[in-house]
mmCIF file of all heavy atoms, coordinates in Angstrom:
data_MODEL
# 
_entry.id   MODEL 
# 
loop_
_atom_site.group_PDB 
_atom_site.id 
_atom_site.type_symbol 
_atom_site.label_atom_id 
_atom_site.label_alt_id 
_atom_site.label_comp_id 
_atom_site.label_asym_id 
_atom_site.label_entity_id 
_atom_site.label_seq_id 
_atom_site.pdbx_PDB_ins_code 
_atom_site.Cartn_x 
_atom_site.Cartn_y 
_atom_site.Cartn_z 
_atom_site.occupancy 
_atom_site.B_iso_or_equiv 
_atom_site.pdbx_formal_charge 
_atom_site.auth_seq_id 
_atom_site.auth_comp_id 
_atom_site.auth_asym_id 
_atom_site.auth_atom_id 
_atom_site.pdbx_PDB_model_num 
ATOM 1   N N   . THR A 1 1  ? 0.806   -1.204 -0.008  1.00 0.00 ? 1  THR A N   1 
ATOM 2   C CA  . THR A 1 1  ? 0.020   -0.021 -0.037  1.00 0.00 ? 1  THR A CA  1 
ATOM 3   C C   . THR A 1 1  ? 0.871   1.270  -0.014  1.00 0.00 ? 1  THR A C   1 
ATOM 4   O O   . THR A 1 1  ? 0.277   2.362  -0.099  1.00 0.00 ? 1  THR A O   1 
ATOM 5   C CB  . THR A 1 1  ? -0.970  0.023  1.200   1.00 0.00 ? 1  THR A CB  1 
ATOM 6   O OG1 . THR A 1 1  ? -0.180  -0.181 2.392   1.00 0.00 ? 1  THR A OG1 1 
ATOM 7   C CG2 . THR A 1 1  ? -1.988  -1.067 1.091   1.00 0.00 ? 1  THR A CG2 1 
ATOM 8   N N   . TYR A 1 2  ? 2.170   1.157  0.098   1.00 0.00 ? 2  TYR A N   1 
ATOM 9   C CA  . TYR A 1 2  ? 3.041   2.355  0.012   1.00 0.00 ? 2  TYR A CA  1 
ATOM 10  C C   . TYR A 1 2  ? 3.419   2.649  -1.467  1.00 0.00 ? 2  TYR A C   1 
ATOM 11  O O   . TYR A 1 2  ? 4.147   3.596  -1.714  1.00 0.00 ? 2  TYR A O   1 
ATOM 12  C CB  . TYR A 1 2  ? 4.300   2.089  0.825   1.00 0.00 ? 2  TYR A CB  1 
ATOM 13  C CG  . TYR A 1 2  ? 4.037   2.169  2.354   1.00 0.00 ? 2  TYR A CG  1 
ATOM 14  C CD1 . TYR A 1 2  ? 4.110   1.000  3.023   1.00 0.00 ? 2  TYR A CD1 1 
ATOM 15  C CD2 . TYR A 1 2  ? 3.750   3.314  2.974   1.00 0.00 ? 2  TYR A CD2 1 
ATOM 16  C CE1 . TYR A 1 2  ? 3.823   0.973  4.417   1.00 0.00 ? 2  TYR A CE1 1 
ATOM 17  C CE2 . TYR A 1 2  ? 3.493   3.366  4.313   1.00 0.00 ? 2  TYR A CE2 1 
ATOM 18  C CZ  . TYR A 1 2  ? 3.539   2.178  5.076   1.00 0.00 ? 2  TYR A CZ  1 
ATOM 19  O OH  . TYR A 1 2  ? 3.300   2.188  6.406   1.00 0.00 ? 2  TYR A OH  1 
ATOM 20  N N   . PHE A 1 3  ? 2.952   1.857  -2.400  1.00 0.00 ? 3  PHE A N   1 
ATOM 21  C CA  . PHE A 1 3  ? 3.292   2.034  -3.791  1.00 0.00 ? 3  PHE A CA  1 
ATOM 22  C C   . PHE A 1 3  ? 2.103   2.518  -4.591  1.00 0.00 ? 3  PHE A C   1 
ATOM 23  O O   . PHE A 1 3  ? 1.007   1.968  -4.494  1.00 0.00 ? 3  PHE A O   1 
ATOM 24  C CB  . PHE A 1 3  ? 3.697   0.589  -4.323  1.00 0.00 ? 3  PHE A CB  1 
ATOM 25  C CG  . PHE A 1 3  ? 4.000   0.567  -5.823  1.00 0.00 ? 3  PHE A CG  1 
ATOM 26  C CD1 . PHE A 1 3  ? 5.021   1.350  -6.296  1.00 0.00 ? 3  PHE A CD1 1 
ATOM 27  C CD2 . PHE A 1 3  ? 3.265   -0.271 -6.607  1.00 0.00 ? 3  PHE A CD2 1 
ATOM 28  C CE1 . PHE A 1 3  ? 5.258   1.254  -7.699  1.00 0.00 ? 3  PHE A CE1 1 
ATOM 29  C CE2 . PHE A 1 3  ? 3.578   -0.353 -8.007  1.00 0.00 ? 3  PHE A CE2 1 
ATOM 30  C CZ  . PHE A 1 3  ? 4.589   0.459  -8.514  1.00 0.00 ? 3  PHE A CZ  1 
ATOM 31  N N   . GLY A 1 4  ? 2.363   3.557  -5.391  1.00 0.00 ? 4  GLY A N   1 
ATOM 32  C CA  . GLY A 1 4  ? 1.254   4.105  -6.248  1.00 0.00 ? 4  GLY A CA  1 
ATOM 33  C C   . GLY A 1 4  ? 1.257   3.304  -7.546  1.00 0.00 ? 4  GLY A C   1 
ATOM 34  O O   . GLY A 1 4  ? 1.944   3.628  -8.495  1.00 0.00 ? 4  GLY A O   1 
ATOM 35  N N   . GLU A 1 5  ? 0.422   2.265  -7.565  1.00 0.00 ? 5  GLU A N   1 
ATOM 36  C CA  . GLU A 1 5  ? 0.440   1.310  -8.690  1.00 0.00 ? 5  GLU A CA  1 
ATOM 37  C C   . GLU A 1 5  ? -0.064  2.005  -9.936  1.00 0.00 ? 5  GLU A C   1 
ATOM 38  O O   . GLU A 1 5  ? -1.089  2.599  -10.016 1.00 0.00 ? 5  GLU A O   1 
ATOM 39  C CB  . GLU A 1 5  ? -0.488  0.116  -8.333  1.00 0.00 ? 5  GLU A CB  1 
ATOM 40  C CG  . GLU A 1 5  ? -0.413  -0.959 -9.392  1.00 0.00 ? 5  GLU A CG  1 
ATOM 41  C CD  . GLU A 1 5  ? -1.077  -2.221 -8.920  1.00 0.00 ? 5  GLU A CD  1 
ATOM 42  O OE1 . GLU A 1 5  ? -0.998  -2.580 -7.730  1.00 0.00 ? 5  GLU A OE1 1 
ATOM 43  O OE2 . GLU A 1 5  ? -1.735  -2.905 -9.792  1.00 0.00 ? 5  GLU A OE2 1 
ATOM 44  N N   . PRO A 1 6  ? 0.739   1.864  -11.042 1.00 0.00 ? 6  PRO A N   1 
ATOM 45  C CA  . PRO A 1 6  ? 0.319   2.465  -12.300 1.00 0.00 ? 6  PRO A CA  1 
ATOM 46  C C   . PRO A 1 6  ? -0.896  1.774  -12.890 1.00 0.00 ? 6  PRO A C   1 
ATOM 47  O O   . PRO A 1 6  ? -1.073  0.558  -12.773 1.00 0.00 ? 6  PRO A O   1 
ATOM 48  C CB  . PRO A 1 6  ? 1.561   2.271  -13.238 1.00 0.00 ? 6  PRO A CB  1 
ATOM 49  C CG  . PRO A 1 6  ? 2.665   1.859  -12.305 1.00 0.00 ? 6  PRO A CG  1 
ATOM 50  C CD  . PRO A 1 6  ? 2.049   1.166  -11.151 1.00 0.00 ? 6  PRO A CD  1 
ATOM 51  N N   . VAL A 1 7  ? -1.694  2.577  -13.548 1.00 0.00 ? 7  VAL A N   1 
ATOM 52  C CA  . VAL A 1 7  ? -2.830  2.074  -14.316 1.00 0.00 ? 7  VAL A CA  1 
ATOM 53  C C   . VAL A 1 7  ? -2.567  2.482  -15.739 1.00 0.00 ? 7  VAL A C   1 
ATOM 54  O O   . VAL A 1 7  ? -2.470  3.644  -16.075 1.00 0.00 ? 7  VAL A O   1 
ATOM 55  C CB  . VAL A 1 7  ? -4.171  2.710  -13.860 1.00 0.00 ? 7  VAL A CB  1 
ATOM 56  C CG1 . VAL A 1 7  ? -5.298  2.267  -14.759 1.00 0.00 ? 7  VAL A CG1 1 
ATOM 57  C CG2 . VAL A 1 7  ? -4.439  2.277  -12.449 1.00 0.00 ? 7  VAL A CG2 1 
ATOM 58  N N   . PHE A 1 8  ? -2.438  1.460  -16.679 1.00 0.00 ? 8  PHE A N   1 
ATOM 59  C CA  . PHE A 1 8  ? -2.131  1.742  -18.114 1.00 0.00 ? 8  PHE A CA  1 
ATOM 60  C C   . PHE A 1 8  ? -3.378  1.564  -18.932 1.00 0.00 ? 8  PHE A C   1 
ATOM 61  O O   . PHE A 1 8  ? -4.147  0.574  -18.747 1.00 0.00 ? 8  PHE A O   1 
ATOM 62  C CB  . PHE A 1 8  ? -1.041  0.792  -18.605 1.00 0.00 ? 8  PHE A CB  1 
ATOM 63  C CG  . PHE A 1 8  ? 0.214   0.859  -17.765 1.00 0.00 ? 8  PHE A CG  1 
ATOM 64  C CD1 . PHE A 1 8  ? 0.614   -0.271 -17.015 1.00 0.00 ? 8  PHE A CD1 1 
ATOM 65  C CD2 . PHE A 1 8  ? 1.023   1.972  -17.789 1.00 0.00 ? 8  PHE A CD2 1 
ATOM 66  C CE1 . PHE A 1 8  ? 1.785   -0.238 -16.290 1.00 0.00 ? 8  PHE A CE1 1 
ATOM 67  C CE2 . PHE A 1 8  ? 2.185   2.034  -17.077 1.00 0.00 ? 8  PHE A CE2 1 
ATOM 68  C CZ  . PHE A 1 8  ? 2.569   0.975  -16.273 1.00 0.00 ? 8  PHE A CZ  1 
ATOM 69  N N   . ILE A 1 9  ? -3.578  2.432  -19.889 1.00 0.00 ? 9  ILE A N   1 
ATOM 70  C CA  . ILE A 1 9  ? -4.701  2.256  -20.831 1.00 0.00 ? 9  ILE A CA  1 
ATOM 71  C C   . ILE A 1 9  ? -4.165  2.471  -22.243 1.00 0.00 ? 9  ILE A C   1 
ATOM 72  O O   . ILE A 1 9  ? -3.137  3.143  -22.483 1.00 0.00 ? 9  ILE A O   1 
ATOM 73  C CB  . ILE A 1 9  ? -5.840  3.254  -20.605 1.00 0.00 ? 9  ILE A CB  1 
ATOM 74  C CG1 . ILE A 1 9  ? -5.426  4.690  -20.907 1.00 0.00 ? 9  ILE A CG1 1 
ATOM 75  C CG2 . ILE A 1 9  ? -6.360  3.181  -19.158 1.00 0.00 ? 9  ILE A CG2 1 
ATOM 76  C CD1 . ILE A 1 9  ? -6.641  5.616  -21.059 1.00 0.00 ? 9  ILE A CD1 1 
ATOM 77  N N   . VAL A 1 10 ? -4.840  1.838  -23.205 1.00 0.00 ? 10 VAL A N   1 
ATOM 78  C CA  . VAL A 1 10 ? -4.464  1.913  -24.635 1.00 0.00 ? 10 VAL A CA  1 
ATOM 79  C C   . VAL A 1 10 ? -5.239  3.112  -25.236 1.00 0.00 ? 10 VAL A C   1 
ATOM 80  O O   . VAL A 1 10 ? -6.411  3.236  -25.084 1.00 0.00 ? 10 VAL A O   1 
ATOM 81  C CB  . VAL A 1 10 ? -4.805  0.648  -25.394 1.00 0.00 ? 10 VAL A CB  1 
ATOM 82  C CG1 . VAL A 1 10 ? -4.460  0.747  -26.828 1.00 0.00 ? 10 VAL A CG1 1 
ATOM 83  C CG2 . VAL A 1 10 ? -4.146  -0.581 -24.719 1.00 0.00 ? 10 VAL A CG2 1 
ATOM 84  N N   . GLY A 1 11 ? -4.479  3.918  -25.966 1.00 0.00 ? 11 GLY A N   1 
ATOM 85  C CA  . GLY A 1 11 ? -5.067  5.093  -26.635 1.00 0.00 ? 11 GLY A CA  1 
ATOM 86  C C   . GLY A 1 11 ? -4.064  6.037  -27.083 1.00 0.00 ? 11 GLY A C   1 
ATOM 87  O O   . GLY A 1 11 ? -2.942  6.016  -26.704 1.00 0.00 ? 11 GLY A O   1 
ATOM 88  N N   . ASN A 1 12 ? -4.515  6.964  -27.886 1.00 0.00 ? 12 ASN A N   1 
ATOM 89  C CA  . ASN A 1 12 ? -3.676  8.131  -28.313 1.00 0.00 ? 12 ASN A CA  1 
ATOM 90  C C   . ASN A 1 12 ? -3.713  9.213  -27.291 1.00 0.00 ? 12 ASN A C   1 
ATOM 91  O O   . ASN A 1 12 ? -4.793  9.735  -26.972 1.00 0.00 ? 12 ASN A O   1 
ATOM 92  C CB  . ASN A 1 12 ? -4.160  8.608  -29.693 1.00 0.00 ? 12 ASN A CB  1 
ATOM 93  C CG  . ASN A 1 12 ? -3.131  9.556  -30.307 1.00 0.00 ? 12 ASN A CG  1 
ATOM 94  O OD1 . ASN A 1 12 ? -2.685  10.559 -29.669 1.00 0.00 ? 12 ASN A OD1 1 
ATOM 95  N ND2 . ASN A 1 12 ? -2.773  9.336  -31.529 1.00 0.00 ? 12 ASN A ND2 1 
ATOM 96  N N   . CYS A 1 13 ? -2.549  9.589  -26.739 1.00 0.00 ? 13 CYS A N   1 
ATOM 97  C CA  . CYS A 1 13 ? -2.528  10.552 -25.628 1.00 0.00 ? 13 CYS A CA  1 
ATOM 98  C C   . CYS A 1 13 ? -3.008  11.976 -26.120 1.00 0.00 ? 13 CYS A C   1 
ATOM 99  O O   . CYS A 1 13 ? -3.250  12.816 -25.246 1.00 0.00 ? 13 CYS A O   1 
ATOM 100 C CB  . CYS A 1 13 ? -1.133  10.641 -25.030 1.00 0.00 ? 13 CYS A CB  1 
ATOM 101 S SG  . CYS A 1 13 ? 0.161   11.242 -26.129 1.00 0.00 ? 13 CYS A SG  1 
ATOM 102 N N   . LEU A 1 14 ? -3.114  12.163 -27.389 1.00 0.00 ? 14 LEU A N   1 
ATOM 103 C CA  . LEU A 1 14 ? -3.586  13.456 -27.893 1.00 0.00 ? 14 LEU A CA  1 
ATOM 104 C C   . LEU A 1 14 ? -5.082  13.538 -28.005 1.00 0.00 ? 14 LEU A C   1 
ATOM 105 O O   . LEU A 1 14 ? -5.624  14.559 -28.362 1.00 0.00 ? 14 LEU A O   1 
ATOM 106 C CB  . LEU A 1 14 ? -2.986  13.725 -29.304 1.00 0.00 ? 14 LEU A CB  1 
ATOM 107 C CG  . LEU A 1 14 ? -1.484  13.991 -29.311 1.00 0.00 ? 14 LEU A CG  1 
ATOM 108 C CD1 . LEU A 1 14 ? -1.019  14.145 -30.781 1.00 0.00 ? 14 LEU A CD1 1 
ATOM 109 C CD2 . LEU A 1 14 ? -1.119  15.265 -28.512 1.00 0.00 ? 14 LEU A CD2 1 
ATOM 110 N N   . SER A 1 15 ? -5.763  12.425 -27.608 1.00 0.00 ? 15 SER A N   1 
ATOM 111 C CA  . SER A 1 15 ? -7.233  12.453 -27.632 1.00 0.00 ? 15 SER A CA  1 
ATOM 112 C C   . SER A 1 15 ? -7.845  12.213 -26.258 1.00 0.00 ? 15 SER A C   1 
ATOM 113 O O   . SER A 1 15 ? -8.962  11.735 -26.142 1.00 0.00 ? 15 SER A O   1 
ATOM 114 C CB  . SER A 1 15 ? -7.693  11.330 -28.627 1.00 0.00 ? 15 SER A CB  1 
ATOM 115 O OG  . SER A 1 15 ? -7.290  10.090 -28.209 1.00 0.00 ? 15 SER A OG  1 
ATOM 116 N N   . LEU A 1 16 ? -7.137  12.659 -25.223 1.00 0.00 ? 16 LEU A N   1 
ATOM 117 C CA  . LEU A 1 16 ? -7.700  12.607 -23.865 1.00 0.00 ? 16 LEU A CA  1 
ATOM 118 C C   . LEU A 1 16 ? -8.749  13.741 -23.698 1.00 0.00 ? 16 LEU A C   1 
ATOM 119 O O   . LEU A 1 16 ? -8.659  14.787 -24.339 1.00 0.00 ? 16 LEU A O   1 
ATOM 120 C CB  . LEU A 1 16 ? -6.606  12.849 -22.850 1.00 0.00 ? 16 LEU A CB  1 
ATOM 121 C CG  . LEU A 1 16 ? -5.650  11.686 -22.591 1.00 0.00 ? 16 LEU A CG  1 
ATOM 122 C CD1 . LEU A 1 16 ? -4.523  12.171 -21.706 1.00 0.00 ? 16 LEU A CD1 1 
ATOM 123 C CD2 . LEU A 1 16 ? -6.427  10.538 -21.864 1.00 0.00 ? 16 LEU A CD2 1 
ATOM 124 N N   . ASN A 1 17 ? -9.699  13.400 -22.889 1.00 0.00 ? 17 ASN A N   1 
ATOM 125 C CA  . ASN A 1 17 ? -10.738 14.455 -22.546 1.00 0.00 ? 17 ASN A CA  1 
ATOM 126 C C   . ASN A 1 17 ? -10.129 15.384 -21.540 1.00 0.00 ? 17 ASN A C   1 
ATOM 127 O O   . ASN A 1 17 ? -10.007 15.062 -20.348 1.00 0.00 ? 17 ASN A O   1 
ATOM 128 C CB  . ASN A 1 17 ? -11.992 13.810 -22.018 1.00 0.00 ? 17 ASN A CB  1 
ATOM 129 C CG  . ASN A 1 17 ? -13.087 14.791 -21.730 1.00 0.00 ? 17 ASN A CG  1 
ATOM 130 O OD1 . ASN A 1 17 ? -12.856 15.974 -21.777 1.00 0.00 ? 17 ASN A OD1 1 
ATOM 131 N ND2 . ASN A 1 17 ? -14.267 14.260 -21.512 1.00 0.00 ? 17 ASN A ND2 1 
ATOM 132 N N   . THR A 1 18 ? -9.685  16.568 -21.927 1.00 0.00 ? 18 THR A N   1 
ATOM 133 C CA  . THR A 1 18 ? -9.004  17.507 -21.073 1.00 0.00 ? 18 THR A CA  1 
ATOM 134 C C   . THR A 1 18 ? -9.903  18.176 -20.050 1.00 0.00 ? 18 THR A C   1 
ATOM 135 O O   . THR A 1 18 ? -9.476  18.855 -19.150 1.00 0.00 ? 18 THR A O   1 
ATOM 136 C CB  . THR A 1 18 ? -8.264  18.621 -21.875 1.00 0.00 ? 18 THR A CB  1 
ATOM 137 O OG1 . THR A 1 18 ? -9.215  19.292 -22.718 1.00 0.00 ? 18 THR A OG1 1 
ATOM 138 C CG2 . THR A 1 18 ? -7.190  17.969 -22.795 1.00 0.00 ? 18 THR A CG2 1 
ATOM 139 N N   . HIS A 1 19 ? -11.248 17.967 -20.239 1.00 0.00 ? 19 HIS A N   1 
ATOM 140 C CA  . HIS A 1 19 ? -12.226 18.565 -19.257 1.00 0.00 ? 19 HIS A CA  1 
ATOM 141 C C   . HIS A 1 19 ? -12.455 17.575 -18.095 1.00 0.00 ? 19 HIS A C   1 
ATOM 142 O O   . HIS A 1 19 ? -13.171 17.921 -17.139 1.00 0.00 ? 19 HIS A O   1 
ATOM 143 C CB  . HIS A 1 19 ? -13.513 18.895 -19.920 1.00 0.00 ? 19 HIS A CB  1 
ATOM 144 C CG  . HIS A 1 19 ? -13.379 19.877 -21.067 1.00 0.00 ? 19 HIS A CG  1 
ATOM 145 N ND1 . HIS A 1 19 ? -13.089 21.242 -20.827 1.00 0.00 ? 19 HIS A ND1 1 
ATOM 146 C CD2 . HIS A 1 19 ? -13.464 19.718 -22.401 1.00 0.00 ? 19 HIS A CD2 1 
ATOM 147 C CE1 . HIS A 1 19 ? -13.013 21.884 -21.951 1.00 0.00 ? 19 HIS A CE1 1 
ATOM 148 N NE2 . HIS A 1 19 ? -13.241 21.020 -22.927 1.00 0.00 ? 19 HIS A NE2 1 
ATOM 149 N N   . TYR A 1 20 ? -11.860 16.385 -18.211 1.00 0.00 ? 20 TYR A N   1 
ATOM 150 C CA  . TYR A 1 20 ? -12.215 15.354 -17.243 1.00 0.00 ? 20 TYR A CA  1 
ATOM 151 C C   . TYR A 1 20 ? -11.315 15.375 -16.043 1.00 0.00 ? 20 TYR A C   1 
ATOM 152 O O   . TYR A 1 20 ? -11.776 15.249 -14.920 1.00 0.00 ? 20 TYR A O   1 
ATOM 153 C CB  . TYR A 1 20 ? -12.090 13.952 -17.937 1.00 0.00 ? 20 TYR A CB  1 
ATOM 154 C CG  . TYR A 1 20 ? -12.288 12.762 -17.073 1.00 0.00 ? 20 TYR A CG  1 
ATOM 155 C CD1 . TYR A 1 20 ? -13.461 12.576 -16.364 1.00 0.00 ? 20 TYR A CD1 1 
ATOM 156 C CD2 . TYR A 1 20 ? -11.322 11.787 -17.016 1.00 0.00 ? 20 TYR A CD2 1 
ATOM 157 C CE1 . TYR A 1 20 ? -13.643 11.507 -15.567 1.00 0.00 ? 20 TYR A CE1 1 
ATOM 158 C CE2 . TYR A 1 20 ? -11.467 10.685 -16.215 1.00 0.00 ? 20 TYR A CE2 1 
ATOM 159 C CZ  . TYR A 1 20 ? -12.614 10.526 -15.485 1.00 0.00 ? 20 TYR A CZ  1 
ATOM 160 O OH  . TYR A 1 20 ? -12.775 9.404  -14.693 1.00 0.00 ? 20 TYR A OH  1 
ATOM 161 N N   . ARG A 1 21 ? -10.020 15.551 -16.237 1.00 0.00 ? 21 ARG A N   1 
ATOM 162 C CA  . ARG A 1 21 ? -9.095  15.525 -15.123 1.00 0.00 ? 21 ARG A CA  1 
ATOM 163 C C   . ARG A 1 21 ? -7.809  16.214 -15.508 1.00 0.00 ? 21 ARG A C   1 
ATOM 164 O O   . ARG A 1 21 ? -7.336  16.210 -16.585 1.00 0.00 ? 21 ARG A O   1 
ATOM 165 C CB  . ARG A 1 21 ? -8.753  14.069 -14.827 1.00 0.00 ? 21 ARG A CB  1 
ATOM 166 C CG  . ARG A 1 21 ? -7.763  13.869 -13.600 1.00 0.00 ? 21 ARG A CG  1 
ATOM 167 C CD  . ARG A 1 21 ? -7.331  12.433 -13.480 1.00 0.00 ? 21 ARG A CD  1 
ATOM 168 N NE  . ARG A 1 21 ? -8.352  11.624 -12.757 1.00 0.00 ? 21 ARG A NE  1 
ATOM 169 C CZ  . ARG A 1 21 ? -8.895  10.582 -13.340 1.00 0.00 ? 21 ARG A CZ  1 
ATOM 170 N NH1 . ARG A 1 21 ? -8.516  10.106 -14.521 1.00 0.00 ? 21 ARG A NH1 1 
ATOM 171 N NH2 . ARG A 1 21 ? -9.818  9.868  -12.672 1.00 0.00 ? 21 ARG A NH2 1 
ATOM 172 N N   . GLN A 1 22 ? -7.258  16.944 -14.458 1.00 0.00 ? 22 GLN A N   1 
ATOM 173 C CA  . GLN A 1 22 ? -5.932  17.543 -14.559 1.00 0.00 ? 22 GLN A CA  1 
ATOM 174 C C   . GLN A 1 22 ? -5.001  16.900 -13.525 1.00 0.00 ? 22 GLN A C   1 
ATOM 175 O O   . GLN A 1 22 ? -5.460  16.260 -12.573 1.00 0.00 ? 22 GLN A O   1 
ATOM 176 C CB  . GLN A 1 22 ? -5.999  19.079 -14.345 1.00 0.00 ? 22 GLN A CB  1 
ATOM 177 C CG  . GLN A 1 22 ? -6.646  19.818 -15.479 1.00 0.00 ? 22 GLN A CG  1 
ATOM 178 C CD  . GLN A 1 22 ? -6.651  21.312 -15.223 1.00 0.00 ? 22 GLN A CD  1 
ATOM 179 O OE1 . GLN A 1 22 ? -6.939  21.772 -14.136 1.00 0.00 ? 22 GLN A OE1 1 
ATOM 180 N NE2 . GLN A 1 22 ? -6.394  22.080 -16.259 1.00 0.00 ? 22 GLN A NE2 1 
ATOM 181 N N   . TYR A 1 23 ? -3.713  17.001 -13.766 1.00 0.00 ? 23 TYR A N   1 
ATOM 182 C CA  . TYR A 1 23 ? -2.703  16.274 -12.947 1.00 0.00 ? 23 TYR A CA  1 
ATOM 183 C C   . TYR A 1 23 ? -1.742  17.265 -12.332 1.00 0.00 ? 23 TYR A C   1 
ATOM 184 O O   . TYR A 1 23 ? -1.450  18.319 -12.892 1.00 0.00 ? 23 TYR A O   1 
ATOM 185 C CB  . TYR A 1 23 ? -2.031  15.227 -13.782 1.00 0.00 ? 23 TYR A CB  1 
ATOM 186 C CG  . TYR A 1 23 ? -2.902  14.082 -14.270 1.00 0.00 ? 23 TYR A CG  1 
ATOM 187 C CD1 . TYR A 1 23 ? -3.714  14.240 -15.324 1.00 0.00 ? 23 TYR A CD1 1 
ATOM 188 C CD2 . TYR A 1 23 ? -2.893  12.897 -13.573 1.00 0.00 ? 23 TYR A CD2 1 
ATOM 189 C CE1 . TYR A 1 23 ? -4.520  13.223 -15.752 1.00 0.00 ? 23 TYR A CE1 1 
ATOM 190 C CE2 . TYR A 1 23 ? -3.708  11.812 -13.955 1.00 0.00 ? 23 TYR A CE2 1 
ATOM 191 C CZ  . TYR A 1 23 ? -4.510  11.975 -15.044 1.00 0.00 ? 23 TYR A CZ  1 
ATOM 192 O OH  . TYR A 1 23 ? -5.286  10.964 -15.475 1.00 0.00 ? 23 TYR A OH  1 
ATOM 193 N N   . ASP A 1 24 ? -1.099  16.834 -11.199 1.00 0.00 ? 24 ASP A N   1 
ATOM 194 C CA  . ASP A 1 24 ? -0.046  17.608 -10.603 1.00 0.00 ? 24 ASP A CA  1 
ATOM 195 C C   . ASP A 1 24 ? 1.223   17.557 -11.456 1.00 0.00 ? 24 ASP A C   1 
ATOM 196 O O   . ASP A 1 24 ? 1.974   18.500 -11.473 1.00 0.00 ? 24 ASP A O   1 
ATOM 197 C CB  . ASP A 1 24 ? 0.267   17.056 -9.171  1.00 0.00 ? 24 ASP A CB  1 
ATOM 198 C CG  . ASP A 1 24 ? -0.906  17.197 -8.208  1.00 0.00 ? 24 ASP A CG  1 
ATOM 199 O OD1 . ASP A 1 24 ? -1.427  18.325 -8.074  1.00 0.00 ? 24 ASP A OD1 1 
ATOM 200 O OD2 . ASP A 1 24 ? -1.333  16.163 -7.681  1.00 0.00 ? 24 ASP A OD2 1 
ATOM 201 N N   . ARG A 1 25 ? 1.496   16.359 -11.998 1.00 0.00 ? 25 ARG A N   1 
ATOM 202 C CA  . ARG A 1 25 ? 2.689   16.168 -12.792 1.00 0.00 ? 25 ARG A CA  1 
ATOM 203 C C   . ARG A 1 25 ? 2.312   15.434 -14.069 1.00 0.00 ? 25 ARG A C   1 
ATOM 204 O O   . ARG A 1 25 ? 1.647   14.428 -14.048 1.00 0.00 ? 25 ARG A O   1 
ATOM 205 C CB  . ARG A 1 25 ? 3.742   15.374 -12.005 1.00 0.00 ? 25 ARG A CB  1 
ATOM 206 C CG  . ARG A 1 25 ? 4.167   15.994 -10.698 1.00 0.00 ? 25 ARG A CG  1 
ATOM 207 C CD  . ARG A 1 25 ? 4.975   17.199 -10.917 1.00 0.00 ? 25 ARG A CD  1 
ATOM 208 N NE  . ARG A 1 25 ? 5.503   17.732 -9.649  1.00 0.00 ? 25 ARG A NE  1 
ATOM 209 C CZ  . ARG A 1 25 ? 4.905   18.707 -8.848  1.00 0.00 ? 25 ARG A CZ  1 
ATOM 210 N NH1 . ARG A 1 25 ? 3.770   19.139 -9.218  1.00 0.00 ? 25 ARG A NH1 1 
ATOM 211 N NH2 . ARG A 1 25 ? 5.531   19.079 -7.764  1.00 0.00 ? 25 ARG A NH2 1 
# 
C-alpha cells in the first residue's frame, strides 16, 4: 500500500478528454 500502482490504458494521448481531469505532474 506504499506503492502508487500504475494504471495503463491503450489510446492516443492526444485524444484525452482535457475537461475530465488535470494532474499535478
